[in-house]
Amino acid sequence: MSWKDDLLELKRQERWMDIIVFCEQQIQKDNNSADSYIQTIYLTHDILLEENPTPLEAQEAQRLLILTFLDGQQRHMDNAEYLFFVGSLIPVAEWLFGLKETNKEPKEQLGCKMLYQATLIEPYNMLYKWSYMDYYGDPQSKQLAQNILSDQVVVSYLRRQGYAGEYMLDILGVASTWVDD
């Protein structure tokens, strides 16, 4: 069992403080790993938005999310995977990251800039291209989401990405079936 699987098990058991402590330890073990930052950001974001933490758990999750995000911005802004996962998550609730982006044009928003940078680093990566297109509401992003979900190599990659990958598979599933008005 990998450390990502251990985190998923803690999430399943709704052990929020254990997740927070585990994530902090994982980052301390290897702060050069963008993966640790991605998992921490996704799990703390989830705790704050989707779960029912105690006030102390929410406070600790918020503290860790902000610290991890700020540190990650310094350490991993040249890592396409970090840019993709975090850039895709920011627009969901930018205020959790300490950002105020809603009144900015998409191209001026940090999440969009991060996704664009990921596509520059890896221009042939379908996931990065899809997320950038989806950010802008490009109608072709639906077909690209369908193509991604039918590509077992990409799906397998996402399944190995712990909670961040599961989240992204869910978003791709929604995007691939989105009905235009």
N, C-alpha and C. Protein backbone atom coordinates (compact mmCIF):
# COMPACT_ATOMS: atom_id res chain seq x y z
N MET A 1 0.84 -1.18 0.00
CA MET A 1 0.00 0.00 0.00
C MET A 1 0.89 1.24 0.00
N SER A 2 0.60 2.21 -0.87
CA SER A 2 1.39 3.43 -0.96
C SER A 2 0.88 4.46 0.04
N TRP A 3 1.65 5.51 0.22
CA TRP A 3 1.24 6.56 1.14
C TRP A 3 -0.04 7.24 0.64
N LYS A 4 -0.24 7.28 -0.67
CA LYS A 4 -1.48 7.86 -1.21
C LYS A 4 -2.68 6.99 -0.84
N ASP A 5 -2.48 5.68 -0.88
CA ASP A 5 -3.55 4.76 -0.47
C ASP A 5 -3.85 4.93 1.02
N ASP A 6 -2.81 5.13 1.82
CA ASP A 6 -3.00 5.36 3.25
C ASP A 6 -3.85 6.62 3.48
N LEU A 7 -3.56 7.66 2.71
CA LEU A 7 -4.36 8.89 2.82
C LEU A 7 -5.81 8.67 2.41
N LEU A 8 -6.02 7.92 1.34
CA LEU A 8 -7.39 7.63 0.91
C LEU A 8 -8.15 6.85 1.98
N GLU A 9 -7.46 5.96 2.66
CA GLU A 9 -8.10 5.20 3.74
C GLU A 9 -8.46 6.13 4.90
N LEU A 10 -7.58 7.04 5.25
CA LEU A 10 -7.89 8.02 6.30
C LEU A 10 -9.08 8.88 5.90
N LYS A 11 -9.15 9.25 4.62
CA LYS A 11 -10.28 10.05 4.13
C LYS A 11 -11.58 9.24 4.24
N ARG A 12 -11.51 7.98 3.83
CA ARG A 12 -12.70 7.13 3.92
C ARG A 12 -13.19 7.03 5.37
N GLN A 13 -12.26 7.01 6.31
CA GLN A 13 -12.60 6.92 7.73
C GLN A 13 -12.91 8.29 8.35
N GLU A 14 -12.82 9.35 7.54
CA GLU A 14 -13.11 10.72 7.99
C GLU A 14 -12.24 11.13 9.18
N ARG A 15 -10.98 10.80 9.10
CA ARG A 15 -10.02 11.13 10.15
C ARG A 15 -9.23 12.36 9.71
N TRP A 16 -9.86 13.53 9.83
CA TRP A 16 -9.33 14.76 9.27
C TRP A 16 -8.01 15.19 9.90
N MET A 17 -7.89 15.14 11.22
CA MET A 17 -6.64 15.56 11.86
C MET A 17 -5.52 14.60 11.50
N ASP A 18 -5.82 13.32 11.38
CA ASP A 18 -4.80 12.36 10.97
C ASP A 18 -4.30 12.66 9.55
N ILE A 19 -5.20 13.07 8.68
CA ILE A 19 -4.81 13.47 7.32
C ILE A 19 -3.89 14.67 7.38
N ILE A 20 -4.26 15.65 8.17
CA ILE A 20 -3.46 16.88 8.28
C ILE A 20 -2.05 16.56 8.78
N VAL A 21 -1.96 15.77 9.83
CA VAL A 21 -0.65 15.40 10.39
C VAL A 21 0.14 14.58 9.37
N PHE A 22 -0.51 13.61 8.73
CA PHE A 22 0.15 12.75 7.74
C PHE A 22 0.70 13.60 6.60
N CYS A 23 -0.10 14.52 6.10
CA CYS A 23 0.34 15.37 4.99
C CYS A 23 1.53 16.24 5.39
N GLU A 24 1.48 16.81 6.57
CA GLU A 24 2.62 17.62 7.04
C GLU A 24 3.88 16.78 7.11
N GLN A 25 3.77 15.57 7.62
CA GLN A 25 4.93 14.68 7.72
C GLN A 25 5.44 14.29 6.33
N GLN A 26 4.53 14.04 5.40
CA GLN A 26 4.93 13.66 4.05
C GLN A 26 5.70 14.79 3.38
N ILE A 27 5.27 16.02 3.55
CA ILE A 27 5.96 17.17 2.97
C ILE A 27 7.33 17.35 3.64
N GLN A 28 7.38 17.19 4.97
CA GLN A 28 8.66 17.32 5.66
C GLN A 28 9.65 16.26 5.20
N LYS A 29 9.14 15.05 4.91
CA LYS A 29 10.00 13.96 4.42
C LYS A 29 10.66 14.32 3.10
N ASP A 30 9.88 14.95 2.22
CA ASP A 30 10.40 15.26 0.89
C ASP A 30 9.69 16.49 0.33
N ASN A 31 10.24 17.66 0.67
CA ASN A 31 9.59 18.88 0.19
C ASN A 31 9.95 19.17 -1.27
N ASN A 32 10.75 18.32 -1.88
CA ASN A 32 11.02 18.44 -3.31
C ASN A 32 10.00 17.68 -4.15
N SER A 33 9.11 16.96 -3.49
CA SER A 33 8.10 16.18 -4.19
C SER A 33 6.84 17.02 -4.41
N ALA A 34 6.58 17.36 -5.66
CA ALA A 34 5.35 18.09 -5.98
C ALA A 34 4.13 17.26 -5.61
N ASP A 35 4.28 15.96 -5.67
CA ASP A 35 3.18 15.05 -5.38
C ASP A 35 2.65 15.23 -3.96
N SER A 36 3.54 15.38 -3.01
CA SER A 36 3.11 15.60 -1.62
C SER A 36 2.31 16.89 -1.49
N TYR A 37 2.74 17.91 -2.19
CA TYR A 37 2.04 19.19 -2.16
C TYR A 37 0.66 19.06 -2.80
N ILE A 38 0.60 18.39 -3.93
CA ILE A 38 -0.68 18.21 -4.63
C ILE A 38 -1.68 17.47 -3.74
N GLN A 39 -1.26 16.35 -3.16
CA GLN A 39 -2.17 15.57 -2.30
C GLN A 39 -2.64 16.41 -1.11
N THR A 40 -1.72 17.13 -0.49
CA THR A 40 -2.07 17.95 0.67
C THR A 40 -3.07 19.03 0.29
N ILE A 41 -2.83 19.70 -0.82
CA ILE A 41 -3.74 20.76 -1.25
C ILE A 41 -5.12 20.20 -1.57
N TYR A 42 -5.18 19.08 -2.28
CA TYR A 42 -6.46 18.51 -2.63
C TYR A 42 -7.23 18.01 -1.40
N LEU A 43 -6.54 17.36 -0.49
CA LEU A 43 -7.23 16.81 0.68
C LEU A 43 -7.68 17.91 1.64
N THR A 44 -6.86 18.90 1.88
CA THR A 44 -7.28 19.98 2.79
C THR A 44 -8.41 20.80 2.14
N HIS A 45 -8.34 21.00 0.86
CA HIS A 45 -9.41 21.69 0.12
C HIS A 45 -10.71 20.92 0.27
N ASP A 46 -10.64 19.60 0.13
CA ASP A 46 -11.82 18.75 0.28
C ASP A 46 -12.39 18.81 1.69
N ILE A 47 -11.52 18.74 2.68
CA ILE A 47 -11.98 18.82 4.07
C ILE A 47 -12.76 20.11 4.30
N LEU A 48 -12.24 21.21 3.78
CA LEU A 48 -12.87 22.52 4.00
C LEU A 48 -14.17 22.71 3.23
N LEU A 49 -14.25 22.14 2.03
CA LEU A 49 -15.44 22.38 1.20
C LEU A 49 -16.50 21.29 1.27
N GLU A 50 -16.09 20.05 1.42
CA GLU A 50 -17.02 18.95 1.26
C GLU A 50 -17.31 18.16 2.53
N GLU A 51 -16.51 18.35 3.54
CA GLU A 51 -16.66 17.54 4.74
C GLU A 51 -17.21 18.38 5.89
N ASN A 52 -17.34 17.78 7.03
CA ASN A 52 -17.88 18.47 8.19
C ASN A 52 -16.86 18.43 9.34
N PRO A 53 -15.75 19.18 9.17
CA PRO A 53 -14.73 19.14 10.21
C PRO A 53 -15.15 19.94 11.44
N THR A 54 -14.53 19.62 12.56
CA THR A 54 -14.73 20.45 13.75
C THR A 54 -14.07 21.81 13.48
N PRO A 55 -14.39 22.81 14.28
CA PRO A 55 -13.72 24.11 14.08
C PRO A 55 -12.19 24.01 14.12
N LEU A 56 -11.66 23.19 15.03
CA LEU A 56 -10.20 23.03 15.10
C LEU A 56 -9.67 22.34 13.84
N GLU A 57 -10.36 21.31 13.36
CA GLU A 57 -9.94 20.63 12.15
C GLU A 57 -9.98 21.57 10.95
N ALA A 58 -11.02 22.39 10.87
CA ALA A 58 -11.13 23.36 9.77
C ALA A 58 -10.00 24.39 9.84
N GLN A 59 -9.72 24.85 11.02
CA GLN A 59 -8.64 25.83 11.21
C GLN A 59 -7.30 25.24 10.79
N GLU A 60 -7.04 24.01 11.20
CA GLU A 60 -5.77 23.35 10.85
C GLU A 60 -5.70 23.04 9.35
N ALA A 61 -6.81 22.62 8.77
CA ALA A 61 -6.84 22.35 7.33
C ALA A 61 -6.59 23.64 6.54
N GLN A 62 -7.20 24.74 6.97
CA GLN A 62 -7.00 26.03 6.29
C GLN A 62 -5.55 26.48 6.41
N ARG A 63 -5.00 26.35 7.60
CA ARG A 63 -3.59 26.73 7.83
C ARG A 63 -2.68 25.93 6.90
N LEU A 64 -2.89 24.62 6.87
CA LEU A 64 -2.03 23.76 6.06
C LEU A 64 -2.22 24.02 4.57
N LEU A 65 -3.44 24.24 4.14
CA LEU A 65 -3.70 24.53 2.73
C LEU A 65 -2.93 25.78 2.30
N ILE A 66 -3.05 26.86 3.05
CA ILE A 66 -2.38 28.12 2.69
C ILE A 66 -0.86 27.95 2.70
N LEU A 67 -0.33 27.35 3.77
CA LEU A 67 1.12 27.17 3.86
C LEU A 67 1.65 26.30 2.72
N THR A 68 0.95 25.22 2.43
CA THR A 68 1.39 24.30 1.37
C THR A 68 1.30 24.98 0.02
N PHE A 69 0.24 25.72 -0.20
CA PHE A 69 0.07 26.43 -1.47
C PHE A 69 1.17 27.47 -1.66
N LEU A 70 1.42 28.28 -0.65
CA LEU A 70 2.45 29.33 -0.77
C LEU A 70 3.83 28.72 -0.98
N ASP A 71 4.15 27.68 -0.23
CA ASP A 71 5.44 27.01 -0.38
C ASP A 71 5.53 26.33 -1.75
N GLY A 72 4.44 25.70 -2.17
CA GLY A 72 4.42 25.05 -3.48
C GLY A 72 4.61 26.03 -4.62
N GLN A 73 4.09 27.23 -4.46
CA GLN A 73 4.25 28.25 -5.50
C GLN A 73 5.72 28.62 -5.68
N GLN A 74 6.48 28.53 -4.63
CA GLN A 74 7.92 28.82 -4.74
C GLN A 74 8.70 27.62 -5.24
N ARG A 75 8.35 26.43 -4.78
CA ARG A 75 9.14 25.23 -5.08
C ARG A 75 8.78 24.54 -6.39
N HIS A 76 7.53 24.63 -6.82
CA HIS A 76 7.08 23.75 -7.90
C HIS A 76 6.44 24.46 -9.10
N MET A 77 6.71 25.74 -9.27
CA MET A 77 6.10 26.46 -10.38
C MET A 77 6.69 26.08 -11.75
N ASP A 78 7.69 25.23 -11.75
CA ASP A 78 8.23 24.73 -13.01
C ASP A 78 7.83 23.26 -13.24
N ASN A 79 6.96 22.75 -12.39
CA ASN A 79 6.52 21.36 -12.47
C ASN A 79 5.13 21.32 -13.11
N ALA A 80 5.04 20.77 -14.31
CA ALA A 80 3.77 20.77 -15.05
C ALA A 80 2.66 20.06 -14.29
N GLU A 81 2.98 18.98 -13.62
CA GLU A 81 1.97 18.23 -12.87
C GLU A 81 1.39 19.09 -11.73
N TYR A 82 2.26 19.76 -11.00
CA TYR A 82 1.80 20.66 -9.94
C TYR A 82 0.93 21.77 -10.53
N LEU A 83 1.41 22.37 -11.60
CA LEU A 83 0.66 23.46 -12.24
C LEU A 83 -0.72 23.00 -12.69
N PHE A 84 -0.79 21.82 -13.27
CA PHE A 84 -2.06 21.28 -13.73
C PHE A 84 -3.02 21.01 -12.58
N PHE A 85 -2.59 20.21 -11.61
CA PHE A 85 -3.51 19.84 -10.53
C PHE A 85 -3.94 21.05 -9.70
N VAL A 86 -3.01 21.87 -9.30
CA VAL A 86 -3.36 23.01 -8.45
C VAL A 86 -4.08 24.09 -9.27
N GLY A 87 -3.62 24.35 -10.48
CA GLY A 87 -4.29 25.32 -11.34
C GLY A 87 -5.73 24.94 -11.64
N SER A 88 -6.00 23.64 -11.74
CA SER A 88 -7.36 23.16 -11.98
C SER A 88 -8.25 23.32 -10.75
N LEU A 89 -7.65 23.30 -9.58
CA LEU A 89 -8.43 23.34 -8.33
C LEU A 89 -8.73 24.77 -7.86
N ILE A 90 -7.85 25.69 -8.14
CA ILE A 90 -8.00 27.06 -7.64
C ILE A 90 -9.37 27.67 -7.94
N PRO A 91 -9.89 27.57 -9.18
CA PRO A 91 -11.17 28.24 -9.46
C PRO A 91 -12.36 27.67 -8.69
N VAL A 92 -12.23 26.50 -8.13
CA VAL A 92 -13.34 25.91 -7.38
C VAL A 92 -13.66 26.77 -6.15
N ALA A 93 -12.63 27.24 -5.48
CA ALA A 93 -12.81 28.07 -4.28
C ALA A 93 -11.53 28.85 -4.03
N GLU A 94 -11.31 29.85 -4.87
CA GLU A 94 -10.04 30.58 -4.80
C GLU A 94 -9.80 31.24 -3.45
N TRP A 95 -10.87 31.58 -2.74
CA TRP A 95 -10.72 32.23 -1.45
C TRP A 95 -10.01 31.34 -0.43
N LEU A 96 -10.12 30.03 -0.59
CA LEU A 96 -9.42 29.12 0.33
C LEU A 96 -7.91 29.25 0.19
N PHE A 97 -7.46 29.70 -0.98
CA PHE A 97 -6.04 29.89 -1.24
C PHE A 97 -5.58 31.31 -0.89
N GLY A 98 -6.51 32.12 -0.39
CA GLY A 98 -6.19 33.50 -0.08
C GLY A 98 -6.23 34.40 -1.30
N LEU A 99 -6.92 33.96 -2.35
CA LEU A 99 -6.98 34.71 -3.60
C LEU A 99 -8.36 35.35 -3.78
N LYS A 100 -8.39 36.43 -4.55
CA LYS A 100 -9.65 37.07 -4.95
C LYS A 100 -9.60 37.18 -6.47
N GLU A 101 -10.16 36.19 -7.13
CA GLU A 101 -10.02 36.07 -8.58
C GLU A 101 -11.31 36.29 -9.36
N THR A 102 -12.45 36.31 -8.70
CA THR A 102 -13.72 36.27 -9.42
C THR A 102 -13.95 37.48 -10.33
N ASN A 103 -13.39 38.62 -10.02
CA ASN A 103 -13.60 39.80 -10.85
C ASN A 103 -12.54 39.97 -11.93
N LYS A 104 -11.60 39.05 -12.01
CA LYS A 104 -10.54 39.12 -13.02
C LYS A 104 -10.97 38.38 -14.27
N GLU A 105 -10.43 38.81 -15.39
CA GLU A 105 -10.61 38.07 -16.64
C GLU A 105 -9.93 36.72 -16.48
N PRO A 106 -10.46 35.66 -17.13
CA PRO A 106 -9.84 34.34 -16.98
C PRO A 106 -8.33 34.32 -17.21
N LYS A 107 -7.86 34.99 -18.25
CA LYS A 107 -6.42 34.94 -18.55
C LYS A 107 -5.58 35.61 -17.47
N GLU A 108 -6.21 36.41 -16.60
CA GLU A 108 -5.50 37.07 -15.50
C GLU A 108 -5.57 36.28 -14.19
N GLN A 109 -6.36 35.23 -14.17
CA GLN A 109 -6.52 34.44 -12.95
C GLN A 109 -5.35 33.46 -12.80
N LEU A 110 -4.89 33.29 -11.57
CA LEU A 110 -3.73 32.46 -11.30
C LEU A 110 -3.93 31.03 -11.80
N GLY A 111 -5.10 30.44 -11.57
CA GLY A 111 -5.34 29.08 -12.02
C GLY A 111 -5.15 28.94 -13.52
N CYS A 112 -5.68 29.88 -14.27
CA CYS A 112 -5.55 29.86 -15.73
C CYS A 112 -4.09 30.01 -16.14
N LYS A 113 -3.38 30.90 -15.49
CA LYS A 113 -1.96 31.10 -15.80
C LYS A 113 -1.17 29.81 -15.53
N MET A 114 -1.51 29.13 -14.43
CA MET A 114 -0.82 27.89 -14.10
C MET A 114 -1.11 26.82 -15.15
N LEU A 115 -2.36 26.71 -15.56
CA LEU A 115 -2.72 25.71 -16.58
C LEU A 115 -2.03 26.01 -17.91
N TYR A 116 -1.97 27.27 -18.26
CA TYR A 116 -1.29 27.66 -19.49
C TYR A 116 0.18 27.29 -19.43
N GLN A 117 0.80 27.56 -18.29
CA GLN A 117 2.22 27.22 -18.12
C GLN A 117 2.44 25.71 -18.23
N ALA A 118 1.52 24.93 -17.66
CA ALA A 118 1.63 23.46 -17.78
C ALA A 118 1.58 23.03 -19.24
N THR A 119 0.71 23.68 -20.04
CA THR A 119 0.63 23.32 -21.46
C THR A 119 1.89 23.74 -22.22
N LEU A 120 2.56 24.77 -21.76
CA LEU A 120 3.82 25.17 -22.40
C LEU A 120 4.93 24.16 -22.08
N ILE A 121 4.95 23.68 -20.85
CA ILE A 121 5.96 22.71 -20.44
C ILE A 121 5.75 21.37 -21.13
N GLU A 122 4.49 20.93 -21.20
CA GLU A 122 4.15 19.64 -21.85
C GLU A 122 3.01 19.87 -22.84
N PRO A 123 3.33 20.41 -24.02
CA PRO A 123 2.28 20.79 -24.98
C PRO A 123 1.44 19.64 -25.52
N TYR A 124 1.91 18.40 -25.42
CA TYR A 124 1.14 17.28 -25.97
C TYR A 124 0.36 16.51 -24.91
N ASN A 125 0.36 17.01 -23.69
CA ASN A 125 -0.36 16.34 -22.62
C ASN A 125 -1.85 16.67 -22.74
N MET A 126 -2.66 15.65 -23.01
CA MET A 126 -4.10 15.84 -23.21
C MET A 126 -4.79 16.39 -21.96
N LEU A 127 -4.37 15.94 -20.78
CA LEU A 127 -4.98 16.43 -19.54
C LEU A 127 -4.79 17.93 -19.37
N TYR A 128 -3.58 18.38 -19.61
CA TYR A 128 -3.28 19.79 -19.43
C TYR A 128 -4.03 20.63 -20.45
N LYS A 129 -4.05 20.15 -21.69
CA LYS A 129 -4.78 20.85 -22.75
C LYS A 129 -6.27 20.91 -22.42
N TRP A 130 -6.83 19.76 -21.99
CA TRP A 130 -8.25 19.73 -21.64
C TRP A 130 -8.57 20.72 -20.53
N SER A 131 -7.80 20.73 -19.46
CA SER A 131 -8.10 21.59 -18.32
C SER A 131 -8.03 23.06 -18.72
N TYR A 132 -7.07 23.41 -19.54
CA TYR A 132 -6.95 24.79 -20.00
C TYR A 132 -8.15 25.17 -20.87
N MET A 133 -8.54 24.27 -21.78
CA MET A 133 -9.70 24.51 -22.64
C MET A 133 -10.98 24.59 -21.80
N ASP A 134 -11.11 23.72 -20.82
CA ASP A 134 -12.28 23.69 -19.98
C ASP A 134 -12.41 24.97 -19.16
N TYR A 135 -11.28 25.50 -18.73
CA TYR A 135 -11.26 26.74 -17.96
C TYR A 135 -11.98 27.86 -18.71
N TYR A 136 -11.77 27.88 -20.01
CA TYR A 136 -12.37 28.90 -20.87
C TYR A 136 -13.75 28.51 -21.38
N GLY A 137 -14.21 27.32 -21.06
CA GLY A 137 -15.51 26.88 -21.53
C GLY A 137 -15.51 26.53 -23.02
N ASP A 138 -14.38 26.14 -23.54
CA ASP A 138 -14.26 25.75 -24.94
C ASP A 138 -15.16 24.53 -25.19
N PRO A 139 -16.08 24.60 -26.16
CA PRO A 139 -16.99 23.48 -26.41
C PRO A 139 -16.26 22.20 -26.83
N GLN A 140 -15.05 22.30 -27.35
CA GLN A 140 -14.29 21.11 -27.73
C GLN A 140 -13.73 20.36 -26.52
N SER A 141 -13.78 20.99 -25.35
CA SER A 141 -13.24 20.34 -24.16
C SER A 141 -14.07 19.10 -23.78
N LYS A 142 -15.36 19.09 -24.13
CA LYS A 142 -16.20 17.92 -23.84
C LYS A 142 -15.69 16.70 -24.59
N GLN A 143 -15.41 16.86 -25.87
CA GLN A 143 -14.91 15.74 -26.68
C GLN A 143 -13.53 15.31 -26.18
N LEU A 144 -12.70 16.26 -25.82
CA LEU A 144 -11.38 15.91 -25.31
C LEU A 144 -11.49 15.15 -23.99
N ALA A 145 -12.43 15.54 -23.13
CA ALA A 145 -12.65 14.81 -21.87
C ALA A 145 -13.06 13.36 -22.18
N GLN A 146 -13.92 13.18 -23.17
CA GLN A 146 -14.34 11.82 -23.56
C GLN A 146 -13.14 11.01 -24.07
N ASN A 147 -12.29 11.66 -24.87
CA ASN A 147 -11.09 10.98 -25.39
C ASN A 147 -10.15 10.59 -24.25
N ILE A 148 -9.99 11.45 -23.29
CA ILE A 148 -9.12 11.17 -22.14
C ILE A 148 -9.65 9.97 -21.37
N LEU A 149 -10.95 9.96 -21.12
CA LEU A 149 -11.53 8.87 -20.34
C LEU A 149 -11.49 7.53 -21.07
N SER A 150 -11.34 7.56 -22.38
CA SER A 150 -11.22 6.31 -23.12
C SER A 150 -9.76 5.88 -23.30
N ASP A 151 -8.85 6.69 -22.83
CA ASP A 151 -7.41 6.38 -22.91
C ASP A 151 -6.97 5.72 -21.61
N GLN A 152 -6.80 4.42 -21.63
CA GLN A 152 -6.50 3.67 -20.40
C GLN A 152 -5.17 4.06 -19.78
N VAL A 153 -4.23 4.53 -20.56
CA VAL A 153 -2.95 4.98 -20.00
C VAL A 153 -3.17 6.20 -19.11
N VAL A 154 -3.96 7.15 -19.59
CA VAL A 154 -4.22 8.37 -18.82
C VAL A 154 -5.09 8.04 -17.60
N VAL A 155 -6.10 7.23 -17.78
CA VAL A 155 -6.97 6.85 -16.67
C VAL A 155 -6.16 6.12 -15.59
N SER A 156 -5.29 5.24 -16.01
CA SER A 156 -4.44 4.51 -15.07
C SER A 156 -3.52 5.48 -14.32
N TYR A 157 -2.96 6.42 -15.04
CA TYR A 157 -2.12 7.46 -14.41
C TYR A 157 -2.91 8.19 -13.33
N LEU A 158 -4.12 8.62 -13.67
CA LEU A 158 -4.93 9.36 -12.70
C LEU A 158 -5.28 8.49 -11.49
N ARG A 159 -5.54 7.25 -11.70
CA ARG A 159 -5.87 6.35 -10.58
C ARG A 159 -4.69 6.19 -9.62
N ARG A 160 -3.48 6.36 -10.12
CA ARG A 160 -2.29 6.28 -9.26
C ARG A 160 -2.01 7.58 -8.53
N GLN A 161 -2.79 8.60 -8.80
CA GLN A 161 -2.53 9.92 -8.24
C GLN A 161 -3.32 10.21 -6.96
N GLY A 162 -3.75 9.18 -6.27
CA GLY A 162 -4.44 9.36 -4.99
C GLY A 162 -5.71 10.16 -5.13
N TYR A 163 -6.00 10.94 -4.11
CA TYR A 163 -7.23 11.70 -4.10
C TYR A 163 -7.29 12.71 -5.24
N ALA A 164 -6.18 13.35 -5.56
CA ALA A 164 -6.16 14.33 -6.65
C ALA A 164 -6.58 13.68 -7.96
N GLY A 165 -6.11 12.47 -8.22
CA GLY A 165 -6.48 11.76 -9.43
C GLY A 165 -7.93 11.35 -9.45
N GLU A 166 -8.43 10.88 -8.28
CA GLU A 166 -9.85 10.52 -8.19
C GLU A 166 -10.73 11.73 -8.46
N TYR A 167 -10.36 12.85 -7.87
CA TYR A 167 -11.11 14.09 -8.07
C TYR A 167 -11.13 14.46 -9.56
N MET A 168 -9.96 14.37 -10.20
CA MET A 168 -9.87 14.74 -11.60
C MET A 168 -10.68 13.79 -12.48
N LEU A 169 -10.69 12.51 -12.15
CA LEU A 169 -11.52 11.56 -12.91
C LEU A 169 -13.00 11.92 -12.78
N ASP A 170 -13.43 12.32 -11.59
CA ASP A 170 -14.82 12.75 -11.40
C ASP A 170 -15.14 13.97 -12.25
N ILE A 171 -14.23 14.95 -12.26
CA ILE A 171 -14.45 16.17 -13.04
C ILE A 171 -14.48 15.85 -14.54
N LEU A 172 -13.59 14.98 -14.98
CA LEU A 172 -13.61 14.56 -16.39
C LEU A 172 -14.92 13.87 -16.75
N GLY A 173 -15.42 13.05 -15.82
CA GLY A 173 -16.69 12.37 -16.06
C GLY A 173 -17.83 13.35 -16.26
N VAL A 174 -17.87 14.37 -15.44
CA VAL A 174 -18.89 15.41 -15.57
C VAL A 174 -18.69 16.17 -16.88
N ALA A 175 -17.44 16.57 -17.15
CA ALA A 175 -17.15 17.35 -18.36
C ALA A 175 -17.46 16.58 -19.64
N SER A 176 -17.31 15.26 -19.59
CA SER A 176 -17.54 14.46 -20.80
C SER A 176 -19.02 14.27 -21.11
N THR A 177 -19.87 14.56 -20.16
CA THR A 177 -21.32 14.39 -20.38
C THR A 177 -22.08 15.70 -20.28
N TRP A 178 -21.36 16.79 -20.15
CA TRP A 178 -21.98 18.09 -19.98
C TRP A 178 -22.93 18.39 -21.14
N VAL A 179 -24.11 18.84 -20.82
CA VAL A 179 -25.11 19.18 -21.84
C VAL A 179 -25.16 20.70 -21.96
N ASP A 180 -24.94 21.20 -23.16
CA ASP A 180 -25.01 22.65 -23.39
C ASP A 180 -26.45 23.11 -23.38
N ASP A 181 -26.66 24.32 -22.90
CA ASP A 181 -28.02 24.90 -22.87
C ASP A 181 -28.50 25.28 -24.24
